[in-house]
């Protein structure tokens, strides 16, 4: 049963011509046809009919009786006994191909991987990017339950998406790809229902952050093992990041510093005016022989500080990178 579902999902949902294969199977369930009769009945090219019949024969979904040109075709007993499964796949085909809402989801999210699940959490659609991220093709996933791809507690998150309905559920997962690699992926889960609420399902948006995570790990390692004091502050001088060298000047560890204000830690009106000037002028400034990690009235020779503004897309300043180095 599971194998048949996967075969039908691949042949109907995962390849072009799914609608024509449905028409062929529905026709020969009503009565037997040869290729020429099917071509006339369905108003399809003879070669097209033969192509689909050959594929359906290969998958033991139809059987033939007769010889040569006069061969007539019937549903196989395997498919006849599980015909409800074909109708289920057919309804999913119409959902994927004819729903404006679903098309909008696909169109708006093409930069990330997109996987569509039915209400049973079986895969009924995945876009090109989803295949690139997971390493799987349609024939590997269509008709399969999402747990075969994501071996995590994602079921709980999908149920949470049902409960919240209009709220997005996000989860960061370690995903194993088909070839055994591991990727860091942010999965955004949404629950939808449409077409008179008769059809329900889930959309999974996959954002691959593997490269960013590796770069962040490398950057963090470099910063944590550096004697250079470094910090990233927002435009109001609240700390978003501080390395260990910066933290050594305080009574806090780096994680505790996040959210604290630089000038609560080091009150200094003159230094604060320097920071404000960088924000106002939107230009980098280098400061010599002044300690920016002390309170009022303390200078230090042989030290250079850099205040680098970080700009947003509109060229406004959204933060500052603070760093230091000593001259020899």
C-alpha atoms as a PDB file:
ATOM      1  CA  UNK A   1       0.000   0.000   0.000  1.00  0.00           C
ATOM      2  CA  UNK A   2       2.739   2.470   0.957  1.00  0.00           C
ATOM      3  CA  UNK A   3       4.766   1.560  -2.131  1.00  0.00           C
ATOM      4  CA  UNK A   4       1.735   1.976  -4.389  1.00  0.00           C
ATOM      5  CA  UNK A   5       1.005   5.367  -2.868  1.00  0.00           C
ATOM      6  CA  UNK A   6       4.554   6.461  -3.528  1.00  0.00           C
ATOM      7  CA  UNK A   7       4.405   5.182  -7.137  1.00  0.00           C
ATOM      8  CA  UNK A   8       1.139   6.990  -7.824  1.00  0.00           C
ATOM      9  CA  UNK A   9       2.404  10.173  -6.199  1.00  0.00           C
ATOM     10  CA  UNK A  10       5.483  10.117  -8.401  1.00  0.00           C
ATOM     11  CA  UNK A  11       3.614   9.266 -11.622  1.00  0.00           C
ATOM     12  CA  UNK A  12       0.708  11.666 -11.055  1.00  0.00           C
ATOM     13  CA  UNK A  13       2.170  14.505  -8.986  1.00  0.00           C
ATOM     14  CA  UNK A  14       5.855  14.311  -9.808  1.00  0.00           C
ATOM     15  CA  UNK A  15       5.858  14.119 -13.609  1.00  0.00           C
ATOM     16  CA  UNK A  16       4.277  16.036 -16.434  1.00  0.00           C
ATOM     17  CA  UNK A  17       1.162  14.423 -17.850  1.00  0.00           C
ATOM     18  CA  UNK A  18      -0.380  13.493 -14.501  1.00  0.00           C
ATOM     19  CA  UNK A  19      -3.838  14.658 -15.589  1.00  0.00           C
ATOM     20  CA  UNK A  20      -3.663  12.600 -18.778  1.00  0.00           C
ATOM     21  CA  UNK A  21      -2.676   9.488 -16.823  1.00  0.00           C
ATOM     22  CA  UNK A  22      -5.683  10.028 -14.566  1.00  0.00           C
ATOM     23  CA  UNK A  23      -7.951  10.262 -17.640  1.00  0.00           C
ATOM     24  CA  UNK A  24      -6.484   7.082 -19.115  1.00  0.00           C
ATOM     25  CA  UNK A  25      -6.889   5.114 -15.893  1.00  0.00           C
ATOM     26  CA  UNK A  26     -10.438   6.352 -15.344  1.00  0.00           C
ATOM     27  CA  UNK A  27     -11.383   5.456 -18.930  1.00  0.00           C
ATOM     28  CA  UNK A  28     -10.041   1.909 -18.893  1.00  0.00           C
ATOM     29  CA  UNK A  29     -11.704   1.298 -15.550  1.00  0.00           C
ATOM     30  CA  UNK A  30     -15.061   1.873 -17.236  1.00  0.00           C
ATOM     31  CA  UNK A  31     -14.254  -0.450 -20.172  1.00  0.00           C
ATOM     32  CA  UNK A  32     -11.287  -1.851 -22.068  1.00  0.00           C
ATOM     33  CA  UNK A  33      -9.685   0.249 -24.826  1.00  0.00           C
ATOM     34  CA  UNK A  34      -6.904  -0.198 -27.326  1.00  0.00           C
ATOM     35  CA  UNK A  35      -4.475   2.651 -28.008  1.00  0.00           C
ATOM     36  CA  UNK A  36      -6.332   4.014 -31.001  1.00  0.00           C
ATOM     37  CA  UNK A  37      -9.648   3.987 -29.184  1.00  0.00           C
ATOM     38  CA  UNK A  38      -8.105   5.803 -26.203  1.00  0.00           C
ATOM     39  CA  UNK A  39      -6.613   8.384 -28.528  1.00  0.00           C
ATOM     40  CA  UNK A  40     -10.049   9.094 -30.037  1.00  0.00           C
ATOM     41  CA  UNK A  41     -11.879   8.946 -26.713  1.00  0.00           C
ATOM     42  CA  UNK A  42      -9.556  11.376 -24.940  1.00  0.00           C
ATOM     43  CA  UNK A  43      -8.643  13.469 -27.977  1.00  0.00           C
ATOM     44  CA  UNK A  44      -4.930  12.903 -27.366  1.00  0.00           C
ATOM     45  CA  UNK A  45      -2.113  12.119 -29.768  1.00  0.00           C
ATOM     46  CA  UNK A  46      -1.585   8.374 -30.339  1.00  0.00           C
ATOM     47  CA  UNK A  47       2.094   8.634 -29.353  1.00  0.00           C
ATOM     48  CA  UNK A  48       1.134  10.429 -26.146  1.00  0.00           C
ATOM     49  CA  UNK A  49      -1.291   7.653 -25.237  1.00  0.00           C
ATOM     50  CA  UNK A  50       1.312   4.976 -25.977  1.00  0.00           C
ATOM     51  CA  UNK A  51       3.936   6.770 -23.885  1.00  0.00           C
ATOM     52  CA  UNK A  52       1.661   6.902 -20.845  1.00  0.00           C
ATOM     53  CA  UNK A  53       0.413   3.333 -21.286  1.00  0.00           C
ATOM     54  CA  UNK A  54       3.996   2.028 -21.485  1.00  0.00           C
ATOM     55  CA  UNK A  55       4.853   3.754 -18.207  1.00  0.00           C
ATOM     56  CA  UNK A  56       1.696   2.471 -16.525  1.00  0.00           C
ATOM     57  CA  UNK A  57       2.510  -1.054 -17.744  1.00  0.00           C
ATOM     58  CA  UNK A  58       6.037  -0.775 -16.321  1.00  0.00           C
ATOM     59  CA  UNK A  59       4.577   0.054 -12.924  1.00  0.00           C
ATOM     60  CA  UNK A  60       1.975  -2.732 -13.095  1.00  0.00           C
ATOM     61  CA  UNK A  61      -0.910  -0.275 -12.949  1.00  0.00           C
ATOM     62  CA  UNK A  62      -2.494  -1.549 -16.173  1.00  0.00           C
ATOM     63  CA  UNK A  63      -2.460  -4.927 -17.950  1.00  0.00           C
ATOM     64  CA  UNK A  64      -3.027  -5.797 -21.586  1.00  0.00           C
ATOM     65  CA  UNK A  65      -4.958  -8.479 -23.414  1.00  0.00           C
ATOM     66  CA  UNK A  66      -4.609  -9.269 -27.104  1.00  0.00           C
ATOM     67  CA  UNK A  67      -1.760  -9.027 -29.548  1.00  0.00           C
ATOM     68  CA  UNK A  68      -0.009  -6.106 -31.251  1.00  0.00           C
ATOM     69  CA  UNK A  69      -2.144  -3.250 -32.542  1.00  0.00           C
ATOM     70  CA  UNK A  70      -5.292  -4.816 -31.157  1.00  0.00           C
ATOM     71  CA  UNK A  71      -4.065  -4.959 -27.546  1.00  0.00           C
ATOM     72  CA  UNK A  72      -6.676  -3.710 -25.128  1.00  0.00           C
ATOM     73  CA  UNK A  73      -5.916  -2.417 -21.658  1.00  0.00           C
ATOM     74  CA  UNK A  74      -7.465  -2.857 -18.207  1.00  0.00           C
ATOM     75  CA  UNK A  75      -6.617  -1.710 -14.712  1.00  0.00           C
ATOM     76  CA  UNK A  76      -4.340  -4.141 -12.913  1.00  0.00           C
ATOM     77  CA  UNK A  77      -5.825  -5.943  -9.936  1.00  0.00           C
ATOM     78  CA  UNK A  78      -3.352  -4.047  -7.753  1.00  0.00           C
ATOM     79  CA  UNK A  79      -4.804  -0.709  -8.776  1.00  0.00           C
ATOM     80  CA  UNK A  80      -8.392  -1.926  -8.993  1.00  0.00           C
ATOM     81  CA  UNK A  81      -8.230  -3.057  -5.376  1.00  0.00           C
ATOM     82  CA  UNK A  82      -6.801   0.292  -4.296  1.00  0.00           C
ATOM     83  CA  UNK A  83      -8.694   2.609  -6.599  1.00  0.00           C
ATOM     84  CA  UNK A  84      -9.594   4.928  -3.717  1.00  0.00           C
ATOM     85  CA  UNK A  85      -5.905   5.665  -3.421  1.00  0.00           C
ATOM     86  CA  UNK A  86      -5.823   6.873  -7.030  1.00  0.00           C
ATOM     87  CA  UNK A  87      -8.765   9.195  -6.342  1.00  0.00           C
ATOM     88  CA  UNK A  88      -6.935  10.553  -3.322  1.00  0.00           C
ATOM     89  CA  UNK A  89      -3.868  11.325  -5.438  1.00  0.00           C
ATOM     90  CA  UNK A  90      -6.121  12.894  -8.082  1.00  0.00           C
ATOM     91  CA  UNK A  91      -7.573  15.314  -5.518  1.00  0.00           C
ATOM     92  CA  UNK A  92      -4.037  16.311  -4.525  1.00  0.00           C
ATOM     93  CA  UNK A  93      -3.173  16.904  -8.177  1.00  0.00           C
ATOM     94  CA  UNK A  94      -6.062  19.349  -8.483  1.00  0.00           C
ATOM     95  CA  UNK A  95      -4.998  21.024  -5.247  1.00  0.00           C
ATOM     96  CA  UNK A  96      -1.433  21.558  -6.448  1.00  0.00           C
ATOM     97  CA  UNK A  97      -2.271  22.564 -10.019  1.00  0.00           C
ATOM     98  CA  UNK A  98      -5.455  24.584  -9.659  1.00  0.00           C
ATOM     99  CA  UNK A  99      -5.333  26.410  -6.340  1.00  0.00           C
ATOM    100  CA  UNK A 100      -4.479  30.117  -6.759  1.00  0.00           C
ATOM    101  CA  UNK A 101      -3.583  30.285  -3.072  1.00  0.00           C
ATOM    102  CA  UNK A 102      -1.110  27.439  -3.358  1.00  0.00           C
ATOM    103  CA  UNK A 103       0.402  28.884  -6.519  1.00  0.00           C
ATOM    104  CA  UNK A 104       0.881  32.174  -4.678  1.00  0.00           C
ATOM    105  CA  UNK A 105       2.719  30.391  -1.878  1.00  0.00           C
ATOM    106  CA  UNK A 106       5.011  28.702  -4.382  1.00  0.00           C
ATOM    107  CA  UNK A 107       5.631  31.869  -6.359  1.00  0.00           C
ATOM    108  CA  UNK A 108       6.371  33.988  -3.298  1.00  0.00           C
ATOM    109  CA  UNK A 109       8.755  31.498  -1.728  1.00  0.00           C
ATOM    110  CA  UNK A 110      10.896  30.283  -4.609  1.00  0.00           C
ATOM    111  CA  UNK A 111      14.175  31.481  -3.059  1.00  0.00           C
ATOM    112  CA  UNK A 112      13.759  28.935  -0.307  1.00  0.00           C
ATOM    113  CA  UNK A 113      12.806  25.301  -0.370  1.00  0.00           C
ATOM    114  CA  UNK A 114       9.076  24.626  -0.312  1.00  0.00           C
ATOM    115  CA  UNK A 115       7.418  21.341   0.629  1.00  0.00           C
ATOM    116  CA  UNK A 116       3.640  20.922   0.663  1.00  0.00           C
ATOM    117  CA  UNK A 117       2.054  18.247   2.865  1.00  0.00           C
ATOM    118  CA  UNK A 118      -1.482  16.957   2.931  1.00  0.00           C
ATOM    119  CA  UNK A 119      -3.349  16.735   6.230  1.00  0.00           C
ATOM    120  CA  UNK A 120      -1.795  13.311   6.880  1.00  0.00           C
ATOM    121  CA  UNK A 121       1.613  14.998   6.566  1.00  0.00           C
ATOM    122  CA  UNK A 122       2.483  13.142   3.359  1.00  0.00           C
ATOM    123  CA  UNK A 123       4.515  15.054   0.765  1.00  0.00           C
ATOM    124  CA  UNK A 124       2.475  16.162  -2.249  1.00  0.00           C
ATOM    125  CA  UNK A 125       4.787  18.829  -3.672  1.00  0.00           C
ATOM    126  CA  UNK A 126       8.383  20.063  -3.413  1.00  0.00           C
ATOM    127  CA  UNK A 127      10.009  22.795  -5.450  1.00  0.00           C
ATOM    128  CA  UNK A 128      13.449  22.840  -7.036  1.00  0.00           C
ATOM    129  CA  UNK A 129      15.137  24.526  -4.081  1.00  0.00           C
ATOM    130  CA  UNK A 130      13.731  21.957  -1.656  1.00  0.00           C
ATOM    131  CA  UNK A 131      15.304  19.219  -3.780  1.00  0.00           C
ATOM    132  CA  UNK A 132      18.627  21.050  -3.717  1.00  0.00           C
ATOM    133  CA  UNK A 133      18.579  21.440   0.058  1.00  0.00           C
ATOM    134  CA  UNK A 134      17.486  17.897   0.908  1.00  0.00           C
ATOM    135  CA  UNK A 135      19.244  16.040  -1.916  1.00  0.00           C
ATOM    136  CA  UNK A 136      16.004  14.167  -2.651  1.00  0.00           C
ATOM    137  CA  UNK A 137      13.995  14.036  -5.879  1.00  0.00           C
ATOM    138  CA  UNK A 138      10.235  13.781  -6.314  1.00  0.00           C
ATOM    139  CA  UNK A 139      10.344  10.009  -6.652  1.00  0.00           C
ATOM    140  CA  UNK A 140      12.103   9.773  -3.278  1.00  0.00           C
ATOM    141  CA  UNK A 141       9.608  11.875  -1.344  1.00  0.00           C
ATOM    142  CA  UNK A 142       6.217  12.212  -3.032  1.00  0.00           C
ATOM    143  CA  UNK A 143       3.653  10.160  -1.173  1.00  0.00           C
ATOM    144  CA  UNK A 144       5.992   9.648   1.791  1.00  0.00           C
ATOM    145  CA  UNK A 145       5.430  10.924   5.277  1.00  0.00           C
ATOM    146  CA  UNK A 146       7.555  13.929   6.236  1.00  0.00           C
ATOM    147  CA  UNK A 147       9.031  11.976   9.159  1.00  0.00           C
ATOM    148  CA  UNK A 148      11.052   9.957   6.650  1.00  0.00           C
ATOM    149  CA  UNK A 149      12.885  13.165   5.776  1.00  0.00           C
ATOM    150  CA  UNK A 150      12.909  15.016   9.079  1.00  0.00           C
ATOM    151  CA  UNK A 151      13.735  12.677  11.914  1.00  0.00           C
ATOM    152  CA  UNK A 152      12.837  15.109  14.672  1.00  0.00           C
ATOM    153  CA  UNK A 153       9.889  16.064  16.836  1.00  0.00           C
ATOM    154  CA  UNK A 154       8.464  18.085  13.974  1.00  0.00           C
ATOM    155  CA  UNK A 155       5.052  16.447  14.370  1.00  0.00           C
ATOM    156  CA  UNK A 156       4.561  18.482  17.552  1.00  0.00           C
ATOM    157  CA  UNK A 157       5.439  21.654  15.668  1.00  0.00           C
ATOM    158  CA  UNK A 158       3.008  20.809  12.867  1.00  0.00           C
ATOM    159  CA  UNK A 159       0.252  20.263  15.408  1.00  0.00           C
ATOM    160  CA  UNK A 160       1.173  23.595  16.965  1.00  0.00           C
ATOM    161  CA  UNK A 161       0.721  25.156  13.523  1.00  0.00           C
ATOM    162  CA  UNK A 162      -2.815  23.709  13.449  1.00  0.00           C
ATOM    163  CA  UNK A 163      -3.619  25.105  16.887  1.00  0.00           C
ATOM    164  CA  UNK A 164      -2.260  28.587  16.219  1.00  0.00           C
ATOM    165  CA  UNK A 165      -3.549  28.543  12.602  1.00  0.00           C
ATOM    166  CA  UNK A 166      -2.755  32.151  11.683  1.00  0.00           C
ATOM    167  CA  UNK A 167       0.616  32.169  13.482  1.00  0.00           C
ATOM    168  CA  UNK A 168       3.825  30.942  11.893  1.00  0.00           C
ATOM    169  CA  UNK A 169       5.749  28.180  13.650  1.00  0.00           C
ATOM    170  CA  UNK A 170       9.529  28.120  13.194  1.00  0.00           C
ATOM    171  CA  UNK A 171      12.045  25.445  14.097  1.00  0.00           C
ATOM    172  CA  UNK A 172      15.795  25.165  13.603  1.00  0.00           C
ATOM    173  CA  UNK A 173      16.657  21.555  12.735  1.00  0.00           C
ATOM    174  CA  UNK A 174      19.746  19.556  11.906  1.00  0.00           C
ATOM    175  CA  UNK A 175      18.715  17.881   8.649  1.00  0.00           C
ATOM    176  CA  UNK A 176      20.466  14.854   7.205  1.00  0.00           C
ATOM    177  CA  UNK A 177      20.462  14.986   3.411  1.00  0.00           C
ATOM    178  CA  UNK A 178      20.088  12.001   1.108  1.00  0.00           C
ATOM    179  CA  UNK A 179      23.878  11.630   0.772  1.00  0.00           C
ATOM    180  CA  UNK A 180      24.402  11.777   4.531  1.00  0.00           C
ATOM    181  CA  UNK A 181      25.515  15.408   4.887  1.00  0.00           C
ATOM    182  CA  UNK A 182      24.111  17.491   7.713  1.00  0.00           C
ATOM    183  CA  UNK A 183      22.595  20.915   7.171  1.00  0.00           C
ATOM    184  CA  UNK A 184      21.293  23.581   9.503  1.00  0.00           C
ATOM    185  CA  UNK A 185      17.830  24.481   8.261  1.00  0.00           C
ATOM    186  CA  UNK A 186      15.199  26.873   9.551  1.00  0.00           C
ATOM    187  CA  UNK A 187      11.770  25.392   8.819  1.00  0.00           C
ATOM    188  CA  UNK A 188       8.801  27.751   8.770  1.00  0.00           C
ATOM    189  CA  UNK A 189       5.553  25.816   9.103  1.00  0.00           C
ATOM    190  CA  UNK A 190       2.121  27.046   8.129  1.00  0.00           C
ATOM    191  CA  UNK A 191      -1.276  25.339   8.187  1.00  0.00           C
ATOM    192  CA  UNK A 192      -3.733  26.149   5.420  1.00  0.00           C
ATOM    193  CA  UNK A 193      -7.240  25.283   4.343  1.00  0.00           C
ATOM    194  CA  UNK A 194      -9.079  26.416   1.236  1.00  0.00           C
ATOM    195  CA  UNK A 195     -11.565  25.389  -1.451  1.00  0.00           C
ATOM    196  CA  UNK A 196     -14.476  25.669   0.925  1.00  0.00           C
ATOM    197  CA  UNK A 197     -12.289  24.284   3.726  1.00  0.00           C
ATOM    198  CA  UNK A 198     -12.542  20.829   2.190  1.00  0.00           C
ATOM    199  CA  UNK A 199      -8.792  20.580   1.679  1.00  0.00           C
ATOM    200  CA  UNK A 200      -6.258  21.153   4.409  1.00  0.00           C
ATOM    201  CA  UNK A 201      -2.522  20.788   4.586  1.00  0.00           C
ATOM    202  CA  UNK A 202       0.812  22.267   5.549  1.00  0.00           C
ATOM    203  CA  UNK A 203       3.472  24.328   3.833  1.00  0.00           C
ATOM    204  CA  UNK A 204       7.082  23.967   4.960  1.00  0.00           C
ATOM    205  CA  UNK A 205       9.510  26.710   3.993  1.00  0.00           C
ATOM    206  CA  UNK A 206      13.139  25.531   4.196  1.00  0.00           C
ATOM    207  CA  UNK A 207      15.895  28.125   4.663  1.00  0.00           C
ATOM    208  CA  UNK A 208      19.388  26.645   4.488  1.00  0.00           C
ATOM    209  CA  UNK A 209      21.654  28.479   6.977  1.00  0.00           C
ATOM    210  CA  UNK A 210      24.486  25.930   6.912  1.00  0.00           C
ATOM    211  CA  UNK A 211      27.023  28.289   5.328  1.00  0.00           C
ATOM    212  CA  UNK A 212      26.059  31.197   7.563  1.00  0.00           C
ATOM    213  CA  UNK A 213      26.283  28.987  10.641  1.00  0.00           C
ATOM    214  CA  UNK A 214      29.755  27.792   9.685  1.00  0.00           C
ATOM    215  CA  UNK A 215      30.926  31.328   8.994  1.00  0.00           C
ATOM    216  CA  UNK A 216      29.455  32.541  12.282  1.00  0.00           C
ATOM    217  CA  UNK A 217      31.210  29.726  14.145  1.00  0.00           C
ATOM    218  CA  UNK A 218      34.518  30.606  12.487  1.00  0.00           C
ATOM    219  CA  UNK A 219      34.034  34.322  13.136  1.00  0.00           C
ATOM    220  CA  UNK A 220      33.069  33.724  16.742  1.00  0.00           C
ATOM    221  CA  UNK A 221      36.096  31.487  17.267  1.00  0.00           C
ATOM    222  CA  UNK A 222      38.391  34.144  15.799  1.00  0.00           C
ATOM    223  CA  UNK A 223      36.859  36.887  17.884  1.00  0.00           C
ATOM    224  CA  UNK A 224      36.864  34.892  21.089  1.00  0.00           C
ATOM    225  CA  UNK A 225      40.553  34.001  20.743  1.00  0.00           C
ATOM    226  CA  UNK A 226      41.634  37.516  19.884  1.00  0.00           C
ATOM    227  CA  UNK A 227      43.272  40.063  22.199  1.00  0.00           C
ATOM    228  CA  UNK A 228      41.432  42.762  20.278  1.00  0.00           C
ATOM    229  CA  UNK A 229      38.422  44.072  22.172  1.00  0.00           C
ATOM    230  CA  UNK A 230      35.384  43.880  19.910  1.00  0.00           C
ATOM    231  CA  UNK A 231      31.686  44.623  20.314  1.00  0.00           C
ATOM    232  CA  UNK A 232      28.648  45.294  18.183  1.00  0.00           C
ATOM    233  CA  UNK A 233      26.205  47.908  19.493  1.00  0.00           C
ATOM    234  CA  UNK A 234      22.874  49.125  18.173  1.00  0.00           C
ATOM    235  CA  UNK A 235      22.322  52.812  17.399  1.00  0.00           C
ATOM    236  CA  UNK A 236      21.436  53.473  21.054  1.00  0.00           C
ATOM    237  CA  UNK A 237      24.673  51.771  22.187  1.00  0.00           C
ATOM    238  CA  UNK A 238      23.066  48.624  23.592  1.00  0.00           C
ATOM    239  CA  UNK A 239      25.331  45.610  23.203  1.00  0.00           C
ATOM    240  CA  UNK A 240      24.234  42.938  20.746  1.00  0.00           C
ATOM    241  CA  UNK A 241      27.581  41.133  20.876  1.00  0.00           C
ATOM    242  CA  UNK A 242      30.781  41.442  22.921  1.00  0.00           C
ATOM    243  CA  UNK A 243      33.818  39.183  22.804  1.00  0.00           C
ATOM    244  CA  UNK A 244      35.761  37.862  25.788  1.00  0.00           C
ATOM    245  CA  UNK A 245      38.405  40.593  25.602  1.00  0.00           C
ATOM    246  CA  UNK A 246      35.670  43.231  25.970  1.00  0.00           C
ATOM    247  CA  UNK A 247      33.942  41.241  28.712  1.00  0.00           C
ATOM    248  CA  UNK A 248      37.176  41.024  30.747  1.00  0.00           C
ATOM    249  CA  UNK A 249      36.868  44.754  31.388  1.00  0.00           C
ATOM    250  CA  UNK A 250      33.482  44.204  33.067  1.00  0.00           C
ATOM    251  CA  UNK A 251      32.128  41.960  35.809  1.00  0.00           C
ATOM    252  CA  UNK A 252      30.071  40.006  33.277  1.00  0.00           C
ATOM    253  CA  UNK A 253      30.584  37.188  30.806  1.00  0.00           C
ATOM    254  CA  UNK A 254      29.896  37.822  27.091  1.00  0.00           C
ATOM    255  CA  UNK A 255      26.408  36.281  27.155  1.00  0.00           C
ATOM    256  CA  UNK A 256      25.343  38.422  30.118  1.00  0.00           C
ATOM    257  CA  UNK A 257      26.433  41.577  28.309  1.00  0.00           C
ATOM    258  CA  UNK A 258      23.903  41.180  25.492  1.00  0.00           C
ATOM    259  CA  UNK A 259      21.230  43.823  26.007  1.00  0.00           C
ATOM    260  CA  UNK A 260      23.272  45.982  28.374  1.00  0.00           C
ATOM    261  CA  UNK A 261      24.208  49.542  27.439  1.00  0.00           C
ATOM    262  CA  UNK A 262      27.879  50.348  26.858  1.00  0.00           C
ATOM    263  CA  UNK A 263      27.579  53.632  28.762  1.00  0.00           C
ATOM    264  CA  UNK A 264      25.887  52.005  31.742  1.00  0.00           C
ATOM    265  CA  UNK A 265      29.004  49.878  32.000  1.00  0.00           C
ATOM    266  CA  UNK A 266      31.445  52.700  31.217  1.00  0.00           C
ATOM    267  CA  UNK A 267      29.838  56.086  31.957  1.00  0.00           C
ATOM    268  CA  UNK A 268      31.766  58.742  30.076  1.00  0.00           C
ATOM    269  CA  UNK A 269      30.098  61.781  28.586  1.00  0.00           C
ATOM    270  CA  UNK A 270      32.961  62.692  26.272  1.00  0.00           C
ATOM    271  CA  UNK A 271      33.215  59.168  24.891  1.00  0.00           C
ATOM    272  CA  UNK A 272      29.465  59.072  24.358  1.00  0.00           C
ATOM    273  CA  UNK A 273      29.669  62.265  22.283  1.00  0.00           C
ATOM    274  CA  UNK A 274      32.291  60.539  20.075  1.00  0.00           C
ATOM    275  CA  UNK A 275      29.900  57.631  19.513  1.00  0.00           C
ATOM    276  CA  UNK A 276      27.031  60.012  18.726  1.00  0.00           C
ATOM    277  CA  UNK A 277      29.168  61.885  16.183  1.00  0.00           C
ATOM    278  CA  UNK A 278      29.886  58.649  14.306  1.00  0.00           C
ATOM    279  CA  UNK A 279      26.159  57.890  14.200  1.00  0.00           C
ATOM    280  CA  UNK A 280      25.348  61.423  13.033  1.00  0.00           C
ATOM    281  CA  UNK A 281      28.072  61.707  10.366  1.00  0.00           C
ATOM    282  CA  UNK A 282      27.792  58.043   9.280  1.00  0.00           C
ATOM    283  CA  UNK A 283      31.562  57.831   8.912  1.00  0.00           C
ATOM    284  CA  UNK A 284      34.197  55.624  10.475  1.00  0.00           C
ATOM    285  CA  UNK A 285      36.328  57.232  13.147  1.00  0.00           C
ATOM    286  CA  UNK A 286      39.675  56.193  14.597  1.00  0.00           C
ATOM    287  CA  UNK A 287      40.447  57.374  18.124  1.00  0.00           C
ATOM    288  CA  UNK A 288      43.998  57.348  19.542  1.00  0.00           C
ATOM    289  CA  UNK A 289      45.254  57.308  23.116  1.00  0.00           C
ATOM    290  CA  UNK A 290      41.814  57.195  24.722  1.00  0.00           C
ATOM    291  CA  UNK A 291      40.366  54.242  26.591  1.00  0.00           C
ATOM    292  CA  UNK A 292      36.726  53.725  25.603  1.00  0.00           C
ATOM    293  CA  UNK A 293      36.247  50.980  28.176  1.00  0.00           C
ATOM    294  CA  UNK A 294      36.697  53.162  31.271  1.00  0.00           C
ATOM    295  CA  UNK A 295      34.710  55.800  33.058  1.00  0.00           C
ATOM    296  CA  UNK A 296      35.453  59.546  33.114  1.00  0.00           C
ATOM    297  CA  UNK A 297      39.012  60.842  33.159  1.00  0.00           C
ATOM    298  CA  UNK A 298      41.022  57.836  32.021  1.00  0.00           C
ATOM    299  CA  UNK A 299      43.220  57.894  28.939  1.00  0.00           C
ATOM    300  CA  UNK A 300      45.641  55.269  27.645  1.00  0.00           C
ATOM    301  CA  UNK A 301      48.622  55.750  25.392  1.00  0.00           C
ATOM    302  CA  UNK A 302      49.422  53.507  22.462  1.00  0.00           C
ATOM    303  CA  UNK A 303      45.883  52.256  21.852  1.00  0.00           C
ATOM    304  CA  UNK A 304      43.776  52.874  18.762  1.00  0.00           C
ATOM    305  CA  UNK A 305      40.010  52.501  18.684  1.00  0.00           C
ATOM    306  CA  UNK A 306      37.850  52.099  15.625  1.00  0.00           C
ATOM    307  CA  UNK A 307      34.184  53.036  15.522  1.00  0.00           C
ATOM    308  CA  UNK A 308      32.658  51.684  12.303  1.00  0.00           C
ATOM    309  CA  UNK A 309      29.020  52.543  11.466  1.00  0.00           C
ATOM    310  CA  UNK A 310      26.868  49.686  10.158  1.00  0.00           C
ATOM    311  CA  UNK A 311      24.325  50.935   7.625  1.00  0.00           C
ATOM    312  CA  UNK A 312      20.966  49.554   6.623  1.00  0.00           C
ATOM    313  CA  UNK A 313      19.565  49.417   3.078  1.00  0.00           C
ATOM    314  CA  UNK A 314      18.395  53.024   3.308  1.00  0.00           C
ATOM    315  CA  UNK A 315      21.944  54.138   4.316  1.00  0.00           C
ATOM    316  CA  UNK A 316      20.855  54.886   7.863  1.00  0.00           C
ATOM    317  CA  UNK A 317      23.087  53.762  10.726  1.00  0.00           C
ATOM    318  CA  UNK A 318      21.669  50.790  12.603  1.00  0.00           C
ATOM    319  CA  UNK A 319      24.683  50.045  14.774  1.00  0.00           C
ATOM    320  CA  UNK A 320      28.380  50.366  15.514  1.00  0.00           C
ATOM    321  CA  UNK A 321      31.311  47.988  15.465  1.00  0.00           C
ATOM    322  CA  UNK A 322      33.725  48.878  18.252  1.00  0.00           C
ATOM    323  CA  UNK A 323      37.260  47.445  18.120  1.00  0.00           C
ATOM    324  CA  UNK A 324      40.728  48.257  19.399  1.00  0.00           C
ATOM    325  CA  UNK A 325      44.365  47.531  18.733  1.00  0.00           C
ATOM    326  CA  UNK A 326      47.637  48.563  20.338  1.00  0.00           C
ATOM    327  CA  UNK A 327      50.636  50.102  18.656  1.00  0.00           C
ATOM    328  CA  UNK A 328      54.081  48.629  19.283  1.00  0.00           C
END
